[in-house]
């Protein structure tokens, strides 16, 4: 008789993963990747992305990232996107959009 391990409850890693909005993360990564492709084809070594992605148009992400509001889920979503690009070898810095002063900018270089 073969024993099958039974998982009756989420471990912490599963709970964290399941709490994130994977569609938002997926779309944000795709938008950043599109911007990277366009910059590479133009011969650039970096790109700044603001105002045309979910996380760069919503001030909720700005407020969460800078601790104005307590929204650990949004912070984790930002960190997940950031980590995705670090894992691919990119340098990523999140800064304030100086035009709006309450949204974010993805600064990516390679």
PDB file of N, CA and C in Angstrom:
ATOM      1  N   UNK A   1       0.843  -1.172   0.000  1.00  0.00           N
ATOM      2  CA  UNK A   1       0.000   0.000   0.000  1.00  0.00           C
ATOM      3  C   UNK A   1       0.897   1.247   0.000  1.00  0.00           C
ATOM      4  N   UNK A   2       0.597   2.157  -0.888  1.00  0.00           N
ATOM      5  CA  UNK A   2       1.357   3.400  -1.003  1.00  0.00           C
ATOM      6  C   UNK A   2       0.711   4.480  -0.145  1.00  0.00           C
ATOM      7  N   UNK A   3       1.551   5.175   0.582  1.00  0.00           N
ATOM      8  CA  UNK A   3       1.035   6.273   1.396  1.00  0.00           C
ATOM      9  C   UNK A   3       1.133   7.568   0.601  1.00  0.00           C
ATOM     10  N   UNK A   4       0.045   8.282   0.578  1.00  0.00           N
ATOM     11  CA  UNK A   4       0.003   9.560  -0.125  1.00  0.00           C
ATOM     12  C   UNK A   4      -0.009  10.661   0.926  1.00  0.00           C
ATOM     13  N   UNK A   5       0.965  11.581   0.830  1.00  0.00           N
ATOM     14  CA  UNK A   5       0.946  12.664   1.821  1.00  0.00           C
ATOM     15  C   UNK A   5      -0.302  13.526   1.652  1.00  0.00           C
ATOM     16  N   UNK A   6      -0.885  13.867   2.748  1.00  0.00           N
ATOM     17  CA  UNK A   6      -2.099  14.668   2.739  1.00  0.00           C
ATOM     18  C   UNK A   6      -1.776  16.040   3.321  1.00  0.00           C
ATOM     19  N   UNK A   7      -2.167  17.052   2.589  1.00  0.00           N
ATOM     20  CA  UNK A   7      -1.966  18.408   3.069  1.00  0.00           C
ATOM     21  C   UNK A   7      -3.345  18.957   3.410  1.00  0.00           C
ATOM     22  N   UNK A   8      -3.581  19.164   4.684  1.00  0.00           N
ATOM     23  CA  UNK A   8      -4.910  19.586   5.113  1.00  0.00           C
ATOM     24  C   UNK A   8      -5.037  21.091   5.310  1.00  0.00           C
ATOM     25  N   UNK A   9      -3.904  21.798   5.264  1.00  0.00           N
ATOM     26  CA  UNK A   9      -3.945  23.241   5.481  1.00  0.00           C
ATOM     27  C   UNK A   9      -2.769  23.893   4.774  1.00  0.00           C
ATOM     28  N   UNK A  10      -2.946  25.157   4.382  1.00  0.00           N
ATOM     29  CA  UNK A  10      -1.877  25.901   3.722  1.00  0.00           C
ATOM     30  C   UNK A  10      -0.678  26.048   4.645  1.00  0.00           C
ATOM     31  N   UNK A  11       0.520  25.886   4.084  1.00  0.00           N
ATOM     32  CA  UNK A  11       1.674  26.338   4.850  1.00  0.00           C
ATOM     33  C   UNK A  11       1.818  27.840   4.588  1.00  0.00           C
ATOM     34  N   UNK A  12       2.718  28.502   5.281  1.00  0.00           N
ATOM     35  CA  UNK A  12       2.829  29.962   5.182  1.00  0.00           C
ATOM     36  C   UNK A  12       3.140  30.414   3.760  1.00  0.00           C
ATOM     37  N   UNK A  13       4.011  29.689   3.072  1.00  0.00           N
ATOM     38  CA  UNK A  13       4.363  30.066   1.704  1.00  0.00           C
ATOM     39  C   UNK A  13       3.146  29.960   0.779  1.00  0.00           C
ATOM     40  N   UNK A  14       2.378  28.900   0.901  1.00  0.00           N
ATOM     41  CA  UNK A  14       1.166  28.751   0.086  1.00  0.00           C
ATOM     42  C   UNK A  14       0.147  29.842   0.400  1.00  0.00           C
ATOM     43  N   UNK A  15      -0.024  30.146   1.664  1.00  0.00           N
ATOM     44  CA  UNK A  15      -0.996  31.169   2.059  1.00  0.00           C
ATOM     45  C   UNK A  15      -0.603  32.524   1.470  1.00  0.00           C
ATOM     46  N   UNK A  16       0.685  32.848   1.526  1.00  0.00           N
ATOM     47  CA  UNK A  16       1.149  34.122   0.970  1.00  0.00           C
ATOM     48  C   UNK A  16       0.915  34.157  -0.538  1.00  0.00           C
ATOM     49  N   UNK A  17       1.297  33.081  -1.221  1.00  0.00           N
ATOM     50  CA  UNK A  17       1.146  33.009  -2.668  1.00  0.00           C
ATOM     51  C   UNK A  17      -0.315  33.147  -3.079  1.00  0.00           C
ATOM     52  N   UNK A  18      -1.191  32.457  -2.384  1.00  0.00           N
ATOM     53  CA  UNK A  18      -2.613  32.473  -2.741  1.00  0.00           C
ATOM     54  C   UNK A  18      -3.283  33.817  -2.448  1.00  0.00           C
ATOM     55  N   UNK A  19      -2.686  34.607  -1.551  1.00  0.00           N
ATOM     56  CA  UNK A  19      -3.293  35.894  -1.205  1.00  0.00           C
ATOM     57  C   UNK A  19      -2.958  36.986  -2.222  1.00  0.00           C
ATOM     58  N   UNK A  20      -1.999  36.734  -3.087  1.00  0.00           N
ATOM     59  CA  UNK A  20      -1.601  37.732  -4.067  1.00  0.00           C
ATOM     60  C   UNK A  20      -2.503  37.681  -5.292  1.00  0.00           C
ATOM     61  N   UNK A  21      -2.694  38.834  -5.914  1.00  0.00           N
ATOM     62  CA  UNK A  21      -3.506  38.910  -7.119  1.00  0.00           C
ATOM     63  C   UNK A  21      -2.630  38.539  -8.310  1.00  0.00           C
ATOM     64  N   UNK A  22      -2.660  37.276  -8.687  1.00  0.00           N
ATOM     65  CA  UNK A  22      -1.750  36.792  -9.723  1.00  0.00           C
ATOM     66  C   UNK A  22      -2.016  37.414 -11.086  1.00  0.00           C
ATOM     67  N   UNK A  23      -3.240  37.828 -11.370  1.00  0.00           N
ATOM     68  CA  UNK A  23      -3.542  38.480 -12.646  1.00  0.00           C
ATOM     69  C   UNK A  23      -2.850  39.837 -12.710  1.00  0.00           C
ATOM     70  N   UNK A  24      -2.924  40.604 -11.628  1.00  0.00           N
ATOM     71  CA  UNK A  24      -2.252  41.908 -11.595  1.00  0.00           C
ATOM     72  C   UNK A  24      -0.745  41.724 -11.743  1.00  0.00           C
ATOM     73  N   UNK A  25      -0.184  40.772 -11.028  1.00  0.00           N
ATOM     74  CA  UNK A  25       1.256  40.512 -11.109  1.00  0.00           C
ATOM     75  C   UNK A  25       1.638  40.098 -12.520  1.00  0.00           C
ATOM     76  N   UNK A  26       0.891  39.187 -13.095  1.00  0.00           N
ATOM     77  CA  UNK A  26       1.162  38.712 -14.454  1.00  0.00           C
ATOM     78  C   UNK A  26       1.107  39.865 -15.450  1.00  0.00           C
ATOM     79  N   UNK A  27       0.067  40.676 -15.377  1.00  0.00           N
ATOM     80  CA  UNK A  27      -0.079  41.797 -16.308  1.00  0.00           C
ATOM     81  C   UNK A  27       1.026  42.830 -16.115  1.00  0.00           C
ATOM     82  N   UNK A  28       1.402  43.085 -14.860  1.00  0.00           N
ATOM     83  CA  UNK A  28       2.472  44.048 -14.593  1.00  0.00           C
ATOM     84  C   UNK A  28       3.788  43.555 -15.189  1.00  0.00           C
ATOM     85  N   UNK A  29       4.088  42.274 -14.981  1.00  0.00           N
ATOM     86  CA  UNK A  29       5.313  41.701 -15.556  1.00  0.00           C
ATOM     87  C   UNK A  29       5.287  41.783 -17.080  1.00  0.00           C
ATOM     88  N   UNK A  30       4.155  41.453 -17.681  1.00  0.00           N
ATOM     89  CA  UNK A  30       4.052  41.535 -19.138  1.00  0.00           C
ATOM     90  C   UNK A  30       4.252  42.960 -19.638  1.00  0.00           C
ATOM     91  N   UNK A  31       3.653  43.939 -18.958  1.00  0.00           N
ATOM     92  CA  UNK A  31       3.807  45.337 -19.366  1.00  0.00           C
ATOM     93  C   UNK A  31       5.263  45.781 -19.261  1.00  0.00           C
ATOM     94  N   UNK A  32       5.927  45.399 -18.190  1.00  0.00           N
ATOM     95  CA  UNK A  32       7.336  45.758 -18.026  1.00  0.00           C
ATOM     96  C   UNK A  32       8.186  45.064 -19.083  1.00  0.00           C
ATOM     97  N   UNK A  33       7.911  43.794 -19.347  1.00  0.00           N
ATOM     98  CA  UNK A  33       8.651  43.060 -20.375  1.00  0.00           C
ATOM     99  C   UNK A  33       8.481  43.704 -21.749  1.00  0.00           C
ATOM    100  N   UNK A  34       7.279  44.149 -22.072  1.00  0.00           N
ATOM    101  CA  UNK A  34       7.040  44.832 -23.342  1.00  0.00           C
ATOM    102  C   UNK A  34       7.876  46.105 -23.426  1.00  0.00           C
ATOM    103  N   UNK A  35       7.914  46.865 -22.345  1.00  0.00           N
ATOM    104  CA  UNK A  35       8.724  48.081 -22.315  1.00  0.00           C
ATOM    105  C   UNK A  35      10.208  47.775 -22.453  1.00  0.00           C
ATOM    106  N   UNK A  36      10.661  46.684 -21.845  1.00  0.00           N
ATOM    107  CA  UNK A  36      12.069  46.279 -21.974  1.00  0.00           C
ATOM    108  C   UNK A  36      12.380  45.925 -23.425  1.00  0.00           C
ATOM    109  N   UNK A  37      11.523  45.144 -24.053  1.00  0.00           N
ATOM    110  CA  UNK A  37      11.735  44.757 -25.458  1.00  0.00           C
ATOM    111  C   UNK A  37      11.841  45.997 -26.337  1.00  0.00           C
ATOM    112  N   UNK A  38      10.933  46.945 -26.138  1.00  0.00           N
ATOM    113  CA  UNK A  38      10.957  48.176 -26.945  1.00  0.00           C
ATOM    114  C   UNK A  38      12.242  48.964 -26.709  1.00  0.00           C
ATOM    115  N   UNK A  39      12.705  49.016 -25.479  1.00  0.00           N
ATOM    116  CA  UNK A  39      13.943  49.737 -25.174  1.00  0.00           C
ATOM    117  C   UNK A  39      15.164  49.030 -25.743  1.00  0.00           C
ATOM    118  N   UNK A  40      15.185  47.718 -25.659  1.00  0.00           N
ATOM    119  CA  UNK A  40      16.296  46.948 -26.227  1.00  0.00           C
ATOM    120  C   UNK A  40      16.363  47.172 -27.733  1.00  0.00           C
ATOM    121  N   UNK A  41      15.215  47.095 -28.395  1.00  0.00           N
ATOM    122  CA  UNK A  41      15.185  47.296 -29.844  1.00  0.00           C
ATOM    123  C   UNK A  41      15.605  48.705 -30.238  1.00  0.00           C
ATOM    124  N   UNK A  42      15.431  49.663 -29.342  1.00  0.00           N
ATOM    125  CA  UNK A  42      15.858  51.046 -29.610  1.00  0.00           C
ATOM    126  C   UNK A  42      17.322  51.262 -29.246  1.00  0.00           C
ATOM    127  N   UNK A  43      17.977  50.216 -28.723  1.00  0.00           N
ATOM    128  CA  UNK A  43      19.395  50.313 -28.379  1.00  0.00           C
ATOM    129  C   UNK A  43      19.666  50.880 -27.002  1.00  0.00           C
ATOM    130  N   UNK A  44      18.662  50.906 -26.140  1.00  0.00           N
ATOM    131  CA  UNK A  44      18.831  51.445 -24.792  1.00  0.00           C
ATOM    132  C   UNK A  44      19.244  50.359 -23.808  1.00  0.00           C
ATOM    133  N   UNK A  45      19.817  50.790 -22.695  1.00  0.00           N
ATOM    134  CA  UNK A  45      20.237  49.872 -21.641  1.00  0.00           C
ATOM    135  C   UNK A  45      19.381  50.023 -20.386  1.00  0.00           C
ATOM    136  N   UNK A  46      18.326  50.812 -20.479  1.00  0.00           N
ATOM    137  CA  UNK A  46      17.429  50.991 -19.347  1.00  0.00           C
ATOM    138  C   UNK A  46      16.068  51.482 -19.823  1.00  0.00           C
ATOM    139  N   UNK A  47      15.123  51.429 -18.907  1.00  0.00           N
ATOM    140  CA  UNK A  47      13.784  51.932 -19.197  1.00  0.00           C
ATOM    141  C   UNK A  47      13.142  52.381 -17.889  1.00  0.00           C
ATOM    142  N   UNK A  48      12.408  53.466 -17.954  1.00  0.00           N
ATOM    143  CA  UNK A  48      11.588  53.925 -16.840  1.00  0.00           C
ATOM    144  C   UNK A  48      10.134  53.803 -17.266  1.00  0.00           C
ATOM    145  N   UNK A  49       9.347  53.166 -16.418  1.00  0.00           N
ATOM    146  CA  UNK A  49       7.960  52.876 -16.768  1.00  0.00           C
ATOM    147  C   UNK A  49       7.056  53.534 -15.741  1.00  0.00           C
ATOM    148  N   UNK A  50       6.217  54.441 -16.222  1.00  0.00           N
ATOM    149  CA  UNK A  50       5.302  55.120 -15.307  1.00  0.00           C
ATOM    150  C   UNK A  50       3.991  55.413 -16.024  1.00  0.00           C
ATOM    151  N   UNK A  51       2.922  55.302 -15.276  1.00  0.00           N
ATOM    152  CA  UNK A  51       1.636  55.731 -15.774  1.00  0.00           C
ATOM    153  C   UNK A  51       0.959  54.850 -16.793  1.00  0.00           C
ATOM    154  N   UNK A  52       1.546  53.710 -17.133  1.00  0.00           N
ATOM    155  CA  UNK A  52       0.876  52.868 -18.120  1.00  0.00           C
ATOM    156  C   UNK A  52       0.754  51.411 -17.673  1.00  0.00           C
ATOM    157  N   UNK A  53       0.895  51.181 -16.382  1.00  0.00           N
ATOM    158  CA  UNK A  53       0.674  49.840 -15.830  1.00  0.00           C
ATOM    159  C   UNK A  53      -0.223  49.981 -14.600  1.00  0.00           C
ATOM    160  N   UNK A  54      -0.782  48.895 -14.174  1.00  0.00           N
ATOM    161  CA  UNK A  54      -1.670  48.930 -13.008  1.00  0.00           C
ATOM    162  C   UNK A  54      -0.967  49.496 -11.783  1.00  0.00           C
ATOM    163  N   UNK A  55       0.244  49.038 -11.541  1.00  0.00           N
ATOM    164  CA  UNK A  55       0.945  49.450 -10.325  1.00  0.00           C
ATOM    165  C   UNK A  55       1.530  50.853 -10.414  1.00  0.00           C
ATOM    166  N   UNK A  56       1.688  51.376 -11.633  1.00  0.00           N
ATOM    167  CA  UNK A  56       2.226  52.733 -11.766  1.00  0.00           C
ATOM    168  C   UNK A  56       1.141  53.784 -11.972  1.00  0.00           C
ATOM    169  N   UNK A  57      -0.095  53.353 -12.107  1.00  0.00           N
ATOM    170  CA  UNK A  57      -1.188  54.329 -12.230  1.00  0.00           C
ATOM    171  C   UNK A  57      -2.018  54.420 -10.952  1.00  0.00           C
ATOM    172  N   UNK A  58      -1.919  53.443 -10.094  1.00  0.00           N
ATOM    173  CA  UNK A  58      -2.724  53.413  -8.874  1.00  0.00           C
ATOM    174  C   UNK A  58      -1.933  53.977  -7.703  1.00  0.00           C
ATOM    175  N   UNK A  59      -2.454  55.026  -7.088  1.00  0.00           N
ATOM    176  CA  UNK A  59      -1.745  55.566  -5.934  1.00  0.00           C
ATOM    177  C   UNK A  59      -1.841  54.629  -4.729  1.00  0.00           C
ATOM    178  N   UNK A  60      -2.704  53.631  -4.780  1.00  0.00           N
ATOM    179  CA  UNK A  60      -2.780  52.648  -3.697  1.00  0.00           C
ATOM    180  C   UNK A  60      -1.456  51.898  -3.550  1.00  0.00           C
ATOM    181  N   UNK A  61      -0.789  51.616  -4.658  1.00  0.00           N
ATOM    182  CA  UNK A  61       0.514  50.946  -4.594  1.00  0.00           C
ATOM    183  C   UNK A  61       1.577  51.884  -4.031  1.00  0.00           C
ATOM    184  N   UNK A  62       1.523  53.152  -4.409  1.00  0.00           N
ATOM    185  CA  UNK A  62       2.440  54.153  -3.859  1.00  0.00           C
ATOM    186  C   UNK A  62       2.267  54.231  -2.342  1.00  0.00           C
ATOM    187  N   UNK A  63       1.021  54.396  -1.891  1.00  0.00           N
ATOM    188  CA  UNK A  63       0.756  54.543  -0.465  1.00  0.00           C
ATOM    189  C   UNK A  63       1.185  53.300   0.314  1.00  0.00           C
ATOM    190  N   UNK A  64       0.963  52.133  -0.242  1.00  0.00           N
ATOM    191  CA  UNK A  64       1.381  50.901   0.430  1.00  0.00           C
ATOM    192  C   UNK A  64       2.896  50.784   0.469  1.00  0.00           C
ATOM    193  N   UNK A  65       3.543  51.050  -0.658  1.00  0.00           N
ATOM    194  CA  UNK A  65       5.003  50.900  -0.759  1.00  0.00           C
ATOM    195  C   UNK A  65       5.733  51.829   0.210  1.00  0.00           C
ATOM    196  N   UNK A  66       5.241  53.053   0.333  1.00  0.00           N
ATOM    197  CA  UNK A  66       5.893  54.025   1.210  1.00  0.00           C
ATOM    198  C   UNK A  66       5.314  54.059   2.624  1.00  0.00           C
ATOM    199  N   UNK A  67       4.457  53.105   2.943  1.00  0.00           N
ATOM    200  CA  UNK A  67       3.963  52.955   4.303  1.00  0.00           C
ATOM    201  C   UNK A  67       2.933  53.973   4.747  1.00  0.00           C
ATOM    202  N   UNK A  68       2.345  54.683   3.790  1.00  0.00           N
ATOM    203  CA  UNK A  68       1.282  55.637   4.129  1.00  0.00           C
ATOM    204  C   UNK A  68       0.046  54.868   4.577  1.00  0.00           C
ATOM    205  N   UNK A  69      -0.223  53.761   3.924  1.00  0.00           N
ATOM    206  CA  UNK A  69      -1.303  52.860   4.324  1.00  0.00           C
ATOM    207  C   UNK A  69      -0.698  51.507   4.661  1.00  0.00           C
ATOM    208  N   UNK A  70      -1.429  50.730   5.402  1.00  0.00           N
ATOM    209  CA  UNK A  70      -0.966  49.394   5.768  1.00  0.00           C
ATOM    210  C   UNK A  70      -1.643  48.386   4.840  1.00  0.00           C
ATOM    211  N   UNK A  71      -0.960  48.056   3.754  1.00  0.00           N
ATOM    212  CA  UNK A  71      -1.508  47.102   2.787  1.00  0.00           C
ATOM    213  C   UNK A  71      -0.402  46.129   2.380  1.00  0.00           C
ATOM    214  N   UNK A  72      -0.136  45.148   3.239  1.00  0.00           N
ATOM    215  CA  UNK A  72       0.954  44.218   2.956  1.00  0.00           C
ATOM    216  C   UNK A  72       0.758  43.410   1.673  1.00  0.00           C
ATOM    217  N   UNK A  73      -0.480  43.228   1.240  1.00  0.00           N
ATOM    218  CA  UNK A  73      -0.715  42.482   0.002  1.00  0.00           C
ATOM    219  C   UNK A  73      -0.171  43.250  -1.192  1.00  0.00           C
ATOM    220  N   UNK A  74      -0.448  44.552  -1.257  1.00  0.00           N
ATOM    221  CA  UNK A  74       0.061  45.353  -2.381  1.00  0.00           C
ATOM    222  C   UNK A  74       1.587  45.422  -2.351  1.00  0.00           C
ATOM    223  N   UNK A  75       2.154  45.542  -1.161  1.00  0.00           N
ATOM    224  CA  UNK A  75       3.620  45.547  -1.042  1.00  0.00           C
ATOM    225  C   UNK A  75       4.188  44.210  -1.539  1.00  0.00           C
ATOM    226  N   UNK A  76       3.560  43.114  -1.163  1.00  0.00           N
ATOM    227  CA  UNK A  76       4.014  41.795  -1.602  1.00  0.00           C
ATOM    228  C   UNK A  76       3.886  41.639  -3.112  1.00  0.00           C
ATOM    229  N   UNK A  77       2.832  42.196  -3.703  1.00  0.00           N
ATOM    230  CA  UNK A  77       2.679  42.151  -5.161  1.00  0.00           C
ATOM    231  C   UNK A  77       3.814  42.915  -5.837  1.00  0.00           C
ATOM    232  N   UNK A  78       4.129  44.109  -5.334  1.00  0.00           N
ATOM    233  CA  UNK A  78       5.256  44.878  -5.874  1.00  0.00           C
ATOM    234  C   UNK A  78       6.557  44.096  -5.742  1.00  0.00           C
ATOM    235  N   UNK A  79       6.776  43.518  -4.577  1.00  0.00           N
ATOM    236  CA  UNK A  79       8.000  42.761  -4.342  1.00  0.00           C
ATOM    237  C   UNK A  79       8.090  41.530  -5.231  1.00  0.00           C
ATOM    238  N   UNK A  80       6.960  40.918  -5.522  1.00  0.00           N
ATOM    239  CA  UNK A  80       6.951  39.744  -6.395  1.00  0.00           C
ATOM    240  C   UNK A  80       7.366  40.132  -7.808  1.00  0.00           C
ATOM    241  N   UNK A  81       6.839  41.243  -8.307  1.00  0.00           N
ATOM    242  CA  UNK A  81       7.228  41.723  -9.637  1.00  0.00           C
ATOM    243  C   UNK A  81       8.713  42.082  -9.642  1.00  0.00           C
ATOM    244  N   UNK A  82       9.134  42.809  -8.629  1.00  0.00           N
ATOM    245  CA  UNK A  82      10.538  43.207  -8.510  1.00  0.00           C
ATOM    246  C   UNK A  82      11.448  41.980  -8.498  1.00  0.00           C
ATOM    247  N   UNK A  83      11.088  40.974  -7.716  1.00  0.00           N
ATOM    248  CA  UNK A  83      11.898  39.754  -7.609  1.00  0.00           C
ATOM    249  C   UNK A  83      11.949  38.990  -8.925  1.00  0.00           C
ATOM    250  N   UNK A  84      10.852  38.991  -9.654  1.00  0.00           N
ATOM    251  CA  UNK A  84      10.814  38.327 -10.962  1.00  0.00           C
ATOM    252  C   UNK A  84      11.926  38.865 -11.859  1.00  0.00           C
ATOM    253  N   UNK A  85      12.067  40.177 -11.887  1.00  0.00           N
ATOM    254  CA  UNK A  85      13.080  40.781 -12.760  1.00  0.00           C
ATOM    255  C   UNK A  85      14.488  40.645 -12.192  1.00  0.00           C
ATOM    256  N   UNK A  86      14.634  40.687 -10.865  1.00  0.00           N
ATOM    257  CA  UNK A  86      15.938  40.404 -10.265  1.00  0.00           C
ATOM    258  C   UNK A  86      16.387  38.996 -10.638  1.00  0.00           C
ATOM    259  N   UNK A  87      15.453  38.051 -10.591  1.00  0.00           N
ATOM    260  CA  UNK A  87      15.782  36.662 -10.928  1.00  0.00           C
ATOM    261  C   UNK A  87      16.242  36.516 -12.381  1.00  0.00           C
ATOM    262  N   UNK A  88      15.805  37.433 -13.241  1.00  0.00           N
ATOM    263  CA  UNK A  88      16.221  37.420 -14.649  1.00  0.00           C
ATOM    264  C   UNK A  88      17.498  38.232 -14.877  1.00  0.00           C
ATOM    265  N   UNK A  89      18.049  38.805 -13.816  1.00  0.00           N
ATOM    266  CA  UNK A  89      19.305  39.537 -13.921  1.00  0.00           C
ATOM    267  C   UNK A  89      19.182  41.038 -14.112  1.00  0.00           C
ATOM    268  N   UNK A  90      17.977  41.571 -14.029  1.00  0.00           N
ATOM    269  CA  UNK A  90      17.769  43.013 -14.187  1.00  0.00           C
ATOM    270  C   UNK A  90      17.953  43.723 -12.850  1.00  0.00           C
ATOM    271  N   UNK A  91      18.344  44.983 -12.912  1.00  0.00           N
ATOM    272  CA  UNK A  91      18.345  45.849 -11.736  1.00  0.00           C
ATOM    273  C   UNK A  91      17.039  46.622 -11.755  1.00  0.00           C
ATOM    274  N   UNK A  92      16.342  46.638 -10.644  1.00  0.00           N
ATOM    275  CA  UNK A  92      15.044  47.297 -10.557  1.00  0.00           C
ATOM    276  C   UNK A  92      15.048  48.243  -9.364  1.00  0.00           C
ATOM    277  N   UNK A  93      14.654  49.473  -9.616  1.00  0.00           N
ATOM    278  CA  UNK A  93      14.512  50.449  -8.543  1.00  0.00           C
ATOM    279  C   UNK A  93      13.132  51.091  -8.694  1.00  0.00           C
ATOM    280  N   UNK A  94      12.387  51.103  -7.608  1.00  0.00           N
ATOM    281  CA  UNK A  94      11.073  51.742  -7.596  1.00  0.00           C
ATOM    282  C   UNK A  94      11.254  53.149  -7.043  1.00  0.00           C
ATOM    283  N   UNK A  95      10.769  54.148  -7.784  1.00  0.00           N
ATOM    284  CA  UNK A  95      10.869  55.530  -7.337  1.00  0.00           C
ATOM    285  C   UNK A  95       9.506  56.214  -7.446  1.00  0.00           C
ATOM    286  N   UNK A  96       9.461  57.447  -6.959  1.00  0.00           N
ATOM    287  CA  UNK A  96       8.242  58.249  -7.011  1.00  0.00           C
ATOM    288  C   UNK A  96       8.149  58.924  -8.374  1.00  0.00           C
ATOM    289  N   UNK A  97       6.964  58.909  -8.939  1.00  0.00           N
ATOM    290  CA  UNK A  97       6.701  59.655 -10.164  1.00  0.00           C
ATOM    291  C   UNK A  97       6.658  61.137  -9.780  1.00  0.00           C
ATOM    292  N   UNK A  98       7.638  61.909 -10.247  1.00  0.00           N
ATOM    293  CA  UNK A  98       7.733  63.316  -9.848  1.00  0.00           C
ATOM    294  C   UNK A  98       6.644  64.185 -10.473  1.00  0.00           C
ATOM    295  N   UNK A  99       5.963  63.671 -11.469  1.00  0.00           N
ATOM    296  CA  UNK A  99       4.851  64.414 -12.067  1.00  0.00           C
ATOM    297  C   UNK A  99       3.601  64.320 -11.193  1.00  0.00           C
ATOM    298  N   UNK A 100       3.277  63.107 -10.756  1.00  0.00           N
ATOM    299  CA  UNK A 100       2.067  62.919  -9.944  1.00  0.00           C
ATOM    300  C   UNK A 100       2.346  63.061  -8.454  1.00  0.00           C
ATOM    301  N   UNK A 101       3.540  62.715  -8.042  1.00  0.00           N
ATOM    302  CA  UNK A 101       3.988  62.715  -6.644  1.00  0.00           C
ATOM    303  C   UNK A 101       3.241  61.724  -5.751  1.00  0.00           C
ATOM    304  N   UNK A 102       2.422  60.872  -6.345  1.00  0.00           N
ATOM    305  CA  UNK A 102       1.763  59.844  -5.536  1.00  0.00           C
ATOM    306  C   UNK A 102       1.538  58.546  -6.308  1.00  0.00           C
ATOM    307  N   UNK A 103       2.373  58.316  -7.317  1.00  0.00           N
ATOM    308  CA  UNK A 103       2.384  57.034  -8.016  1.00  0.00           C
ATOM    309  C   UNK A 103       3.847  56.604  -8.174  1.00  0.00           C
ATOM    310  N   UNK A 104       4.046  55.403  -8.645  1.00  0.00           N
ATOM    311  CA  UNK A 104       5.376  54.807  -8.717  1.00  0.00           C
ATOM    312  C   UNK A 104       5.923  54.790 -10.133  1.00  0.00           C
ATOM    313  N   UNK A 105       7.232  54.631 -10.217  1.00  0.00           N
ATOM    314  CA  UNK A 105       7.934  54.430 -11.476  1.00  0.00           C
ATOM    315  C   UNK A 105       8.809  53.190 -11.319  1.00  0.00           C
ATOM    316  N   UNK A 106       8.730  52.298 -12.305  1.00  0.00           N
ATOM    317  CA  UNK A 106       9.669  51.165 -12.383  1.00  0.00           C
ATOM    318  C   UNK A 106      10.878  51.655 -13.170  1.00  0.00           C
ATOM    319  N   UNK A 107      12.059  51.584 -12.590  1.00  0.00           N
ATOM    320  CA  UNK A 107      13.309  51.905 -13.271  1.00  0.00           C
ATOM    321  C   UNK A 107      14.080  50.610 -13.414  1.00  0.00           C
ATOM    322  N   UNK A 108      14.264  50.173 -14.647  1.00  0.00           N
ATOM    323  CA  UNK A 108      14.892  48.879 -14.909  1.00  0.00           C
ATOM    324  C   UNK A 108      16.093  49.095 -15.801  1.00  0.00           C
ATOM    325  N   UNK A 109      17.219  48.463 -15.441  1.00  0.00           N
ATOM    326  CA  UNK A 109      18.367  48.507 -16.336  1.00  0.00           C
ATOM    327  C   UNK A 109      19.023  47.141 -16.425  1.00  0.00           C
ATOM    328  N   UNK A 110      19.837  46.989 -17.483  1.00  0.00           N
ATOM    329  CA  UNK A 110      20.480  45.703 -17.758  1.00  0.00           C
ATOM    330  C   UNK A 110      21.867  45.911 -18.307  1.00  0.00           C
TER     331      UNK A 110
END
